Amino acid sequence: MQNKYCVIIRGFLAYSVDFDSLDDTTAIAISEPLRTLLRGTGLVGSCNGLLCLYQRKTDIYLWNPATRKCKELPIAPTDFIRPFDIDPSFLCGFGYDAVNDDYKVLRILRPDRPDLAGSKLRLWVLKAAYQFLLLILPLKIVAREVPMPAVQYKNPNKLSLCIFAESLCVLILYPSIRMDVWSMKEYGIGNSWCKLFSLEHTLLVSSSISVRPVAYSKCRGDVLVEVVDKKVMWYNLERKTIRTVNIANMPDVFHDLEVYTESLVPPDYIFSCNGKQQQEKKKQPQQQRRKER
């Protein structure tokens, strides 16, 4: 399969759009049974054509829209008390581990009762077919410190993080002036930050709205941006102009938008890999017996 970029637009239902024809296309709602299964889910992120979704705070799904395959991740038995499972406050992450050629999903839950402390962490390591389930006390998570770009800014509240062009990016907003998009080329290396571009249109740099760059256009002359009021626009880097993307059949209100590259990676990665390994193990004794004969 050739690399093809698509857009998933998620409101009450999920819609798919061909990225290369955004300005002249119709959003196509996903059909049953996925429509029912994924209704009301939230997007965690995407990686190598797989989308990670959550539902009802306890269900996690991996979905490949290209192959229409979807897999719910198993929930390990737990002896933690119920308030952790119904907690409305949680964090979730999804990514690819290139060192071990594996996918990982992380979920952190915090209790919603004042008499409880700590957090519950669950980590799915898909290819290795195991989960970690930990109770973290106190409410503290230690992470690697990442140096910021060496630029001058007065208000740290105007900084935000995002993933753009498959890189970790920092968005620095100078209200009513511009928004700078910085990309880290080597993770954890402070001097590897470089400025990709600036958004300088007055409608995109107001301190009262939130803007997220989503993707470059095919010719890299425009940037697709998502505005907080759920508009999708093209920003021209040379002319510094914007135009609204009008997609037929697009929902009036949507929760999130994600650009991804189609792939054949199976969402049941954990089972397909293990299945192959088990089959190979079964073949080996048979081959040995044949040699003995």
C-alpha atoms as a PDB file:
ATOM      1  CA  MET A   1       0.000   0.000   0.000  1.00  0.00           C
ATOM      2  CA  GLN A   2       1.364   3.411  -0.977  1.00  0.00           C
ATOM      3  CA  ASN A   3       1.521   6.079   1.679  1.00  0.00           C
ATOM      4  CA  LYS A   4      -1.828   7.842   1.596  1.00  0.00           C
ATOM      5  CA  TYR A   5      -2.799  10.605   3.983  1.00  0.00           C
ATOM      6  CA  CYS A   6      -6.314  10.686   5.342  1.00  0.00           C
ATOM      7  CA  VAL A   7      -8.206  12.770   7.860  1.00  0.00           C
ATOM      8  CA  ILE A   8     -10.443  11.446  10.611  1.00  0.00           C
ATOM      9  CA  ILE A   9     -13.025  13.948  11.869  1.00  0.00           C
ATOM     10  CA  ARG A  10     -14.765  12.887  15.016  1.00  0.00           C
ATOM     11  CA  GLY A  11     -17.988  14.311  16.368  1.00  0.00           C
ATOM     12  CA  PHE A  12     -20.849  12.148  17.587  1.00  0.00           C
ATOM     13  CA  LEU A  13     -19.837   9.906  14.686  1.00  0.00           C
ATOM     14  CA  ALA A  14     -16.489   9.482  12.937  1.00  0.00           C
ATOM     15  CA  TYR A  15     -15.914  10.624   9.359  1.00  0.00           C
ATOM     16  CA  SER A  16     -13.028  10.004   6.984  1.00  0.00           C
ATOM     17  CA  VAL A  17     -11.734  12.373   4.316  1.00  0.00           C
ATOM     18  CA  ASP A  18      -9.010  12.073   1.660  1.00  0.00           C
ATOM     19  CA  PHE A  19      -6.308  14.570   2.670  1.00  0.00           C
ATOM     20  CA  ASP A  20      -5.209  15.318  -0.914  1.00  0.00           C
ATOM     21  CA  SER A  21      -8.712  16.457  -1.878  1.00  0.00           C
ATOM     22  CA  LEU A  22      -9.747  18.340   1.252  1.00  0.00           C
ATOM     23  CA  ASP A  23     -11.081  21.325  -0.695  1.00  0.00           C
ATOM     24  CA  ASP A  24     -13.275  19.261  -2.994  1.00  0.00           C
ATOM     25  CA  THR A  25     -14.502  16.223  -1.124  1.00  0.00           C
ATOM     26  CA  THR A  26     -17.277  14.781   1.023  1.00  0.00           C
ATOM     27  CA  ALA A  27     -16.813  13.457   4.528  1.00  0.00           C
ATOM     28  CA  ILE A  28     -17.834   9.783   4.669  1.00  0.00           C
ATOM     29  CA  ALA A  29     -19.279   8.485   7.929  1.00  0.00           C
ATOM     30  CA  ILE A  30     -17.948   5.115   9.041  1.00  0.00           C
ATOM     31  CA  SER A  31     -20.434   2.289   8.698  1.00  0.00           C
ATOM     32  CA  GLU A  32     -21.659  -0.384  11.092  1.00  0.00           C
ATOM     33  CA  PRO A  33     -20.585  -2.177  13.215  1.00  0.00           C
ATOM     34  CA  LEU A  34     -17.755   0.293  13.882  1.00  0.00           C
ATOM     35  CA  ARG A  35     -20.214   3.186  14.030  1.00  0.00           C
ATOM     36  CA  THR A  36     -21.850   1.738  17.143  1.00  0.00           C
ATOM     37  CA  LEU A  37     -18.626   0.460  18.680  1.00  0.00           C
ATOM     38  CA  LEU A  38     -16.758   3.771  18.410  1.00  0.00           C
ATOM     39  CA  ARG A  39     -19.661   6.121  19.155  1.00  0.00           C
ATOM     40  CA  GLY A  40     -18.815   8.526  21.951  1.00  0.00           C
ATOM     41  CA  THR A  41     -15.106   7.693  22.019  1.00  0.00           C
ATOM     42  CA  GLY A  42     -12.302  10.208  22.501  1.00  0.00           C
ATOM     43  CA  LEU A  43      -9.069  10.326  20.529  1.00  0.00           C
ATOM     44  CA  VAL A  44      -5.775   9.635  22.311  1.00  0.00           C
ATOM     45  CA  GLY A  45      -3.498   9.831  19.257  1.00  0.00           C
ATOM     46  CA  SER A  46      -2.328   8.051  16.121  1.00  0.00           C
ATOM     47  CA  CYS A  47       0.825   6.216  15.077  1.00  0.00           C
ATOM     48  CA  ASN A  48       1.693   4.285  11.899  1.00  0.00           C
ATOM     49  CA  GLY A  49      -1.908   4.222  10.735  1.00  0.00           C
ATOM     50  CA  LEU A  50      -3.316   3.074  14.086  1.00  0.00           C
ATOM     51  CA  LEU A  51      -5.648   5.307  16.085  1.00  0.00           C
ATOM     52  CA  CYS A  52      -5.976   4.905  19.847  1.00  0.00           C
ATOM     53  CA  LEU A  53      -9.415   5.741  21.305  1.00  0.00           C
ATOM     54  CA  TYR A  54     -10.930   5.668  24.775  1.00  0.00           C
ATOM     55  CA  GLN A  55     -14.528   5.206  25.874  1.00  0.00           C
ATOM     56  CA  ARG A  56     -16.286   5.378  29.249  1.00  0.00           C
ATOM     57  CA  LYS A  57     -12.919   5.882  30.983  1.00  0.00           C
ATOM     58  CA  THR A  58     -12.239   2.143  31.069  1.00  0.00           C
ATOM     59  CA  ASP A  59     -12.352   0.923  27.464  1.00  0.00           C
ATOM     60  CA  ILE A  60      -9.328   1.481  25.191  1.00  0.00           C
ATOM     61  CA  TYR A  61      -9.446   0.655  21.474  1.00  0.00           C
ATOM     62  CA  LEU A  62      -6.894   0.445  18.680  1.00  0.00           C
ATOM     63  CA  TRP A  63      -8.440   1.110  15.274  1.00  0.00           C
ATOM     64  CA  ASN A  64      -7.005   0.925  11.767  1.00  0.00           C
ATOM     65  CA  PRO A  65      -9.443   2.887   9.535  1.00  0.00           C
ATOM     66  CA  ALA A  66      -7.718   1.655   6.343  1.00  0.00           C
ATOM     67  CA  THR A  67      -8.384  -2.024   7.086  1.00  0.00           C
ATOM     68  CA  ARG A  68     -11.546  -1.368   9.156  1.00  0.00           C
ATOM     69  CA  LYS A  69     -10.098  -3.505  11.954  1.00  0.00           C
ATOM     70  CA  CYS A  70     -10.651  -2.577  15.601  1.00  0.00           C
ATOM     71  CA  LYS A  71      -9.478  -4.228  18.805  1.00  0.00           C
ATOM     72  CA  GLU A  72     -10.401  -3.511  22.416  1.00  0.00           C
ATOM     73  CA  LEU A  73      -7.428  -3.811  24.755  1.00  0.00           C
ATOM     74  CA  PRO A  74      -7.929  -6.326  27.562  1.00  0.00           C
ATOM     75  CA  ILE A  75      -8.411  -5.049  31.092  1.00  0.00           C
ATOM     76  CA  ALA A  76      -6.344  -6.956  33.638  1.00  0.00           C
ATOM     77  CA  PRO A  77      -7.988  -8.058  36.897  1.00  0.00           C
ATOM     78  CA  THR A  78      -7.347  -5.495  39.592  1.00  0.00           C
ATOM     79  CA  ASP A  79      -7.752  -5.272  43.322  1.00  0.00           C
ATOM     80  CA  PHE A  80      -7.905  -1.479  43.315  1.00  0.00           C
ATOM     81  CA  ILE A  81     -11.052   0.065  44.692  1.00  0.00           C
ATOM     82  CA  ARG A  82     -13.772   1.242  42.351  1.00  0.00           C
ATOM     83  CA  PRO A  83     -13.279   5.043  42.591  1.00  0.00           C
ATOM     84  CA  PHE A  84     -10.184   4.680  40.431  1.00  0.00           C
ATOM     85  CA  ASP A  85     -12.217   3.117  37.616  1.00  0.00           C
ATOM     86  CA  ILE A  86     -14.936   5.763  37.502  1.00  0.00           C
ATOM     87  CA  ASP A  87     -12.629   8.735  37.966  1.00  0.00           C
ATOM     88  CA  PRO A  88     -13.395  11.486  35.437  1.00  0.00           C
ATOM     89  CA  SER A  89      -9.851  12.807  35.614  1.00  0.00           C
ATOM     90  CA  PHE A  90      -7.308  10.723  33.719  1.00  0.00           C
ATOM     91  CA  LEU A  91      -4.454  10.898  31.240  1.00  0.00           C
ATOM     92  CA  CYS A  92      -3.767   8.577  28.333  1.00  0.00           C
ATOM     93  CA  GLY A  93      -0.940   8.252  25.806  1.00  0.00           C
ATOM     94  CA  PHE A  94      -0.125   6.101  22.776  1.00  0.00           C
ATOM     95  CA  GLY A  95       3.092   5.647  20.807  1.00  0.00           C
ATOM     96  CA  TYR A  96       5.540   3.389  19.007  1.00  0.00           C
ATOM     97  CA  ASP A  97       8.667   2.003  20.679  1.00  0.00           C
ATOM     98  CA  ALA A  98      11.224   1.836  17.836  1.00  0.00           C
ATOM     99  CA  VAL A  99      13.851   0.140  20.013  1.00  0.00           C
ATOM    100  CA  ASN A 100      11.641  -2.880  20.741  1.00  0.00           C
ATOM    101  CA  ASP A 101       9.431  -2.625  17.625  1.00  0.00           C
ATOM    102  CA  ASP A 102       6.353  -2.423  19.826  1.00  0.00           C
ATOM    103  CA  TYR A 103       3.356  -0.224  20.552  1.00  0.00           C
ATOM    104  CA  LYS A 104       2.545   1.037  24.031  1.00  0.00           C
ATOM    105  CA  VAL A 105      -0.564   2.537  25.599  1.00  0.00           C
ATOM    106  CA  LEU A 106      -0.367   4.327  28.960  1.00  0.00           C
ATOM    107  CA  ARG A 107      -3.324   5.328  31.133  1.00  0.00           C
ATOM    108  CA  ILE A 108      -3.158   7.175  34.456  1.00  0.00           C
ATOM    109  CA  LEU A 109      -6.215   7.457  36.706  1.00  0.00           C
ATOM    110  CA  ARG A 110      -6.646   9.602  39.783  1.00  0.00           C
ATOM    111  CA  PRO A 111      -9.309   9.008  42.465  1.00  0.00           C
ATOM    112  CA  ASP A 112     -12.304  11.324  42.689  1.00  0.00           C
ATOM    113  CA  ARG A 113     -12.680  10.960  46.490  1.00  0.00           C
ATOM    114  CA  PRO A 114     -10.923  13.412  48.844  1.00  0.00           C
ATOM    115  CA  ASP A 115     -10.034  10.642  51.301  1.00  0.00           C
ATOM    116  CA  LEU A 116      -7.929   8.837  48.682  1.00  0.00           C
ATOM    117  CA  ALA A 117      -4.497   9.708  47.370  1.00  0.00           C
ATOM    118  CA  GLY A 118      -2.234   8.461  44.620  1.00  0.00           C
ATOM    119  CA  SER A 119      -2.751   7.415  41.031  1.00  0.00           C
ATOM    120  CA  LYS A 120      -3.305   4.150  39.232  1.00  0.00           C
ATOM    121  CA  LEU A 121      -1.118   3.523  36.191  1.00  0.00           C
ATOM    122  CA  ARG A 122      -1.732   0.875  33.534  1.00  0.00           C
ATOM    123  CA  LEU A 123       0.758   0.292  30.700  1.00  0.00           C
ATOM    124  CA  TRP A 124      -0.058  -2.015  27.795  1.00  0.00           C
ATOM    125  CA  VAL A 125       2.992  -3.408  25.958  1.00  0.00           C
ATOM    126  CA  LEU A 126       1.245  -4.878  22.956  1.00  0.00           C
ATOM    127  CA  LYS A 127       3.708  -7.134  21.151  1.00  0.00           C
ATOM    128  CA  ALA A 128       5.143  -8.459  24.399  1.00  0.00           C
ATOM    129  CA  ALA A 129       1.572  -9.239  25.505  1.00  0.00           C
ATOM    130  CA  TYR A 130       1.690  -7.949  29.058  1.00  0.00           C
ATOM    131  CA  GLN A 131       0.434  -5.102  31.219  1.00  0.00           C
ATOM    132  CA  PHE A 132       1.838  -3.185  34.161  1.00  0.00           C
ATOM    133  CA  LEU A 133      -0.602  -2.153  36.862  1.00  0.00           C
ATOM    134  CA  LEU A 134       0.825   0.114  39.540  1.00  0.00           C
ATOM    135  CA  LEU A 135      -0.393   2.333  42.371  1.00  0.00           C
ATOM    136  CA  ILE A 136       1.676   5.497  42.548  1.00  0.00           C
ATOM    137  CA  LEU A 137       1.992   7.399  45.856  1.00  0.00           C
ATOM    138  CA  PRO A 138       2.035  10.303  46.383  1.00  0.00           C
ATOM    139  CA  LEU A 139       0.544  12.258  43.491  1.00  0.00           C
ATOM    140  CA  LYS A 140       3.828  12.764  41.733  1.00  0.00           C
ATOM    141  CA  ILE A 141       5.187  11.615  38.397  1.00  0.00           C
ATOM    142  CA  VAL A 142       8.859  12.034  37.547  1.00  0.00           C
ATOM    143  CA  ALA A 143       9.589  12.697  33.879  1.00  0.00           C
ATOM    144  CA  ARG A 144      12.661  13.613  31.886  1.00  0.00           C
ATOM    145  CA  GLU A 145      13.264  17.351  31.735  1.00  0.00           C
ATOM    146  CA  VAL A 146      13.151  18.695  28.192  1.00  0.00           C
ATOM    147  CA  PRO A 147      14.972  22.013  27.529  1.00  0.00           C
ATOM    148  CA  MET A 148      12.895  24.720  25.858  1.00  0.00           C
ATOM    149  CA  PRO A 149      13.882  26.714  22.754  1.00  0.00           C
ATOM    150  CA  ALA A 150      16.334  29.514  23.449  1.00  0.00           C
ATOM    151  CA  VAL A 151      13.883  32.339  22.754  1.00  0.00           C
ATOM    152  CA  GLN A 152      12.604  35.260  24.788  1.00  0.00           C
ATOM    153  CA  TYR A 153       8.995  35.142  25.963  1.00  0.00           C
ATOM    154  CA  LYS A 154       7.343  36.823  28.919  1.00  0.00           C
ATOM    155  CA  ASN A 155       4.224  34.765  29.541  1.00  0.00           C
ATOM    156  CA  PRO A 156       4.752  31.000  30.054  1.00  0.00           C
ATOM    157  CA  ASN A 157       0.967  30.495  29.862  1.00  0.00           C
ATOM    158  CA  LYS A 158       1.213  31.180  26.150  1.00  0.00           C
ATOM    159  CA  LEU A 159       3.304  28.061  25.547  1.00  0.00           C
ATOM    160  CA  SER A 160       1.826  24.716  24.526  1.00  0.00           C
ATOM    161  CA  LEU A 161       2.991  21.386  23.144  1.00  0.00           C
ATOM    162  CA  CYS A 162       1.778  19.458  20.119  1.00  0.00           C
ATOM    163  CA  ILE A 163       2.888  16.849  17.603  1.00  0.00           C
ATOM    164  CA  PHE A 164       3.417  18.271  14.118  1.00  0.00           C
ATOM    165  CA  ALA A 165       5.162  16.616  11.157  1.00  0.00           C
ATOM    166  CA  GLU A 166       5.890  13.623  13.429  1.00  0.00           C
ATOM    167  CA  SER A 167       7.968  15.786  15.783  1.00  0.00           C
ATOM    168  CA  LEU A 168       7.502  17.254  19.235  1.00  0.00           C
ATOM    169  CA  CYS A 169       6.695  20.944  18.800  1.00  0.00           C
ATOM    170  CA  VAL A 170       6.336  23.953  21.065  1.00  0.00           C
ATOM    171  CA  LEU A 171       3.815  26.646  20.160  1.00  0.00           C
ATOM    172  CA  ILE A 172       4.796  30.094  21.438  1.00  0.00           C
ATOM    173  CA  LEU A 173       2.061  32.694  21.181  1.00  0.00           C
ATOM    174  CA  TYR A 174       2.782  36.399  21.066  1.00  0.00           C
ATOM    175  CA  PRO A 175      -0.824  37.684  21.330  1.00  0.00           C
ATOM    176  CA  SER A 176      -2.011  39.822  18.417  1.00  0.00           C
ATOM    177  CA  ILE A 177       1.406  39.412  16.748  1.00  0.00           C
ATOM    178  CA  ARG A 178       2.233  35.836  15.765  1.00  0.00           C
ATOM    179  CA  MET A 179       2.529  32.217  16.859  1.00  0.00           C
ATOM    180  CA  ASP A 180       5.921  30.539  16.406  1.00  0.00           C
ATOM    181  CA  VAL A 181       6.111  26.785  15.853  1.00  0.00           C
ATOM    182  CA  TRP A 182       9.378  25.211  17.045  1.00  0.00           C
ATOM    183  CA  SER A 183      10.317  21.584  16.368  1.00  0.00           C
ATOM    184  CA  MET A 184      12.745  19.400  18.304  1.00  0.00           C
ATOM    185  CA  LYS A 185      14.787  17.380  15.800  1.00  0.00           C
ATOM    186  CA  GLU A 186      16.581  15.241  18.418  1.00  0.00           C
ATOM    187  CA  TYR A 187      14.587  14.374  21.521  1.00  0.00           C
ATOM    188  CA  GLY A 188      16.104  15.796  24.712  1.00  0.00           C
ATOM    189  CA  ILE A 189      18.792  17.818  22.889  1.00  0.00           C
ATOM    190  CA  GLY A 190      18.208  21.487  23.700  1.00  0.00           C
ATOM    191  CA  ASN A 191      20.144  22.931  20.763  1.00  0.00           C
ATOM    192  CA  SER A 192      18.190  20.816  18.258  1.00  0.00           C
ATOM    193  CA  TRP A 193      15.171  23.155  18.385  1.00  0.00           C
ATOM    194  CA  CYS A 194      14.464  24.954  15.110  1.00  0.00           C
ATOM    195  CA  LYS A 195      11.642  27.266  14.121  1.00  0.00           C
ATOM    196  CA  LEU A 196       9.498  25.712  11.416  1.00  0.00           C
ATOM    197  CA  PHE A 197       7.261  28.689  10.653  1.00  0.00           C
ATOM    198  CA  SER A 198       5.097  31.417  12.163  1.00  0.00           C
ATOM    199  CA  LEU A 199       1.361  31.990  11.958  1.00  0.00           C
ATOM    200  CA  GLU A 200       0.877  35.718  11.534  1.00  0.00           C
ATOM    201  CA  HIS A 201      -2.765  36.211  10.567  1.00  0.00           C
ATOM    202  CA  THR A 202      -4.783  38.306  13.031  1.00  0.00           C
ATOM    203  CA  LEU A 203      -7.551  35.687  13.266  1.00  0.00           C
ATOM    204  CA  LEU A 204      -5.055  33.033  14.405  1.00  0.00           C
ATOM    205  CA  VAL A 205      -3.084  34.872  17.078  1.00  0.00           C
ATOM    206  CA  SER A 206      -5.788  36.089  19.438  1.00  0.00           C
ATOM    207  CA  SER A 207      -5.168  35.213  23.088  1.00  0.00           C
ATOM    208  CA  SER A 208      -8.853  34.231  23.419  1.00  0.00           C
ATOM    209  CA  ILE A 209      -8.743  31.321  20.965  1.00  0.00           C
ATOM    210  CA  SER A 210      -6.662  28.192  20.618  1.00  0.00           C
ATOM    211  CA  VAL A 211      -5.027  27.205  17.333  1.00  0.00           C
ATOM    212  CA  ARG A 212      -3.308  23.913  16.536  1.00  0.00           C
ATOM    213  CA  PRO A 213      -1.235  23.285  13.383  1.00  0.00           C
ATOM    214  CA  VAL A 214      -2.194  19.886  12.000  1.00  0.00           C
ATOM    215  CA  ALA A 215      -0.202  19.154   8.823  1.00  0.00           C
ATOM    216  CA  TYR A 216       1.647  20.583   5.853  1.00  0.00           C
ATOM    217  CA  SER A 217      -0.058  20.596   2.478  1.00  0.00           C
ATOM    218  CA  LYS A 218       1.341  18.270  -0.164  1.00  0.00           C
ATOM    219  CA  CYS A 219       3.504  21.080  -1.629  1.00  0.00           C
ATOM    220  CA  ARG A 220       4.359  22.308   1.906  1.00  0.00           C
ATOM    221  CA  GLY A 221       3.305  25.814   0.959  1.00  0.00           C
ATOM    222  CA  ASP A 222       0.297  25.755   3.293  1.00  0.00           C
ATOM    223  CA  VAL A 223      -0.375  24.539   6.814  1.00  0.00           C
ATOM    224  CA  LEU A 224      -3.667  22.994   7.875  1.00  0.00           C
ATOM    225  CA  VAL A 225      -4.770  24.493  11.203  1.00  0.00           C
ATOM    226  CA  GLU A 226      -7.606  23.637  13.579  1.00  0.00           C
ATOM    227  CA  VAL A 227      -9.203  26.513  15.474  1.00  0.00           C
ATOM    228  CA  VAL A 228     -10.852  26.102  18.867  1.00  0.00           C
ATOM    229  CA  ASP A 229     -14.309  26.883  17.517  1.00  0.00           C
ATOM    230  CA  LYS A 230     -13.849  23.824  15.333  1.00  0.00           C
ATOM    231  CA  LYS A 231     -13.005  25.438  12.055  1.00  0.00           C
ATOM    232  CA  VAL A 232     -10.444  23.966   9.682  1.00  0.00           C
ATOM    233  CA  MET A 233      -8.330  26.399   7.674  1.00  0.00           C
ATOM    234  CA  TRP A 234      -5.374  26.540   5.312  1.00  0.00           C
ATOM    235  CA  TYR A 235      -2.675  29.078   6.195  1.00  0.00           C
ATOM    236  CA  ASN A 236      -0.426  30.123   3.313  1.00  0.00           C
ATOM    237  CA  LEU A 237       3.144  30.499   4.574  1.00  0.00           C
ATOM    238  CA  GLU A 238       4.239  32.937   1.863  1.00  0.00           C
ATOM    239  CA  ARG A 239       1.210  35.210   1.531  1.00  0.00           C
ATOM    240  CA  LYS A 240       0.201  34.875   5.225  1.00  0.00           C
ATOM    241  CA  THR A 241      -3.444  34.451   4.271  1.00  0.00           C
ATOM    242  CA  ILE A 242      -6.081  31.976   5.430  1.00  0.00           C
ATOM    243  CA  ARG A 243      -9.019  30.261   3.794  1.00  0.00           C
ATOM    244  CA  THR A 244     -11.640  28.026   5.359  1.00  0.00           C
ATOM    245  CA  VAL A 245     -11.770  24.394   4.291  1.00  0.00           C
ATOM    246  CA  ASN A 246     -15.321  23.553   3.263  1.00  0.00           C
ATOM    247  CA  ILE A 247     -15.955  19.805   3.446  1.00  0.00           C
ATOM    248  CA  ALA A 248     -19.358  18.543   2.374  1.00  0.00           C
ATOM    249  CA  ASN A 249     -21.224  16.440   4.960  1.00  0.00           C
ATOM    250  CA  MET A 250     -18.847  17.574   7.706  1.00  0.00           C
ATOM    251  CA  PRO A 251     -20.539  17.809  11.142  1.00  0.00           C
ATOM    252  CA  ASP A 252     -21.258  21.314  12.408  1.00  0.00           C
ATOM    253  CA  VAL A 253     -19.561  20.458  15.693  1.00  0.00           C
ATOM    254  CA  PHE A 254     -16.682  18.002  16.031  1.00  0.00           C
ATOM    255  CA  HIS A 255     -14.434  17.003  18.908  1.00  0.00           C
ATOM    256  CA  ASP A 256     -11.121  16.372  17.194  1.00  0.00           C
ATOM    257  CA  LEU A 257      -9.385  16.039  13.856  1.00  0.00           C
ATOM    258  CA  GLU A 258      -6.426  13.787  13.086  1.00  0.00           C
ATOM    259  CA  VAL A 259      -4.286  13.366   9.960  1.00  0.00           C
ATOM    260  CA  TYR A 260      -2.753   9.911   9.646  1.00  0.00           C
ATOM    261  CA  THR A 261      -0.928   7.739   7.124  1.00  0.00           C
ATOM    262  CA  GLU A 262      -2.760   4.639   5.973  1.00  0.00           C
ATOM    263  CA  SER A 263      -1.034   1.365   6.788  1.00  0.00           C
ATOM    264  CA  LEU A 264      -1.695  -2.352   7.129  1.00  0.00           C
ATOM    265  CA  VAL A 265      -0.534  -2.532  10.759  1.00  0.00           C
ATOM    266  CA  PRO A 266      -3.095  -4.735  12.550  1.00  0.00           C
ATOM    267  CA  PRO A 267      -4.756  -3.331  15.681  1.00  0.00           C
ATOM    268  CA  ASP A 268      -4.644  -6.855  17.133  1.00  0.00           C
ATOM    269  CA  TYR A 269      -0.841  -6.584  16.968  1.00  0.00           C
ATOM    270  CA  ILE A 270      -0.525  -8.368  20.277  1.00  0.00           C
ATOM    271  CA  PHE A 271      -2.410 -11.419  19.034  1.00  0.00           C
ATOM    272  CA  SER A 272      -1.092 -11.620  15.481  1.00  0.00           C
ATOM    273  CA  CYS A 273       2.541 -11.523  16.601  1.00  0.00           C
ATOM    274  CA  ASN A 274       2.021 -14.077  19.359  1.00  0.00           C
ATOM    275  CA  GLY A 275       0.021 -16.265  17.027  1.00  0.00           C
ATOM    276  CA  LYS A 276       2.889 -16.413  14.554  1.00  0.00           C
ATOM    277  CA  GLN A 277       5.343 -17.234  17.317  1.00  0.00           C
ATOM    278  CA  GLN A 278       3.145 -20.007  18.659  1.00  0.00           C
ATOM    279  CA  GLN A 279       2.752 -21.492  15.179  1.00  0.00           C
ATOM    280  CA  GLU A 280       6.515 -21.467  14.715  1.00  0.00           C
ATOM    281  CA  LYS A 281       6.971 -23.234  18.073  1.00  0.00           C
ATOM    282  CA  LYS A 282       4.498 -25.926  17.024  1.00  0.00           C
ATOM    283  CA  LYS A 283       6.296 -26.476  13.720  1.00  0.00           C
ATOM    284  CA  GLN A 284       9.711 -26.976  15.336  1.00  0.00           C
ATOM    285  CA  PRO A 285       8.884 -30.176  17.292  1.00  0.00           C
ATOM    286  CA  GLN A 286       7.171 -31.638  14.225  1.00  0.00           C
ATOM    287  CA  GLN A 287      10.210 -30.909  12.073  1.00  0.00           C
ATOM    288  CA  GLN A 288      12.496 -32.486  14.689  1.00  0.00           C
ATOM    289  CA  ARG A 289      10.371 -35.646  14.788  1.00  0.00           C
ATOM    290  CA  ARG A 290      10.547 -35.901  11.003  1.00  0.00           C
ATOM    291  CA  LYS A 291      14.326 -35.656  11.121  1.00  0.00           C
ATOM    292  CA  GLU A 292      14.502 -38.374  13.769  1.00  0.00           C
ATOM    293  CA  ARG A 293      12.462 -40.691  11.582  1.00  0.00           C
END
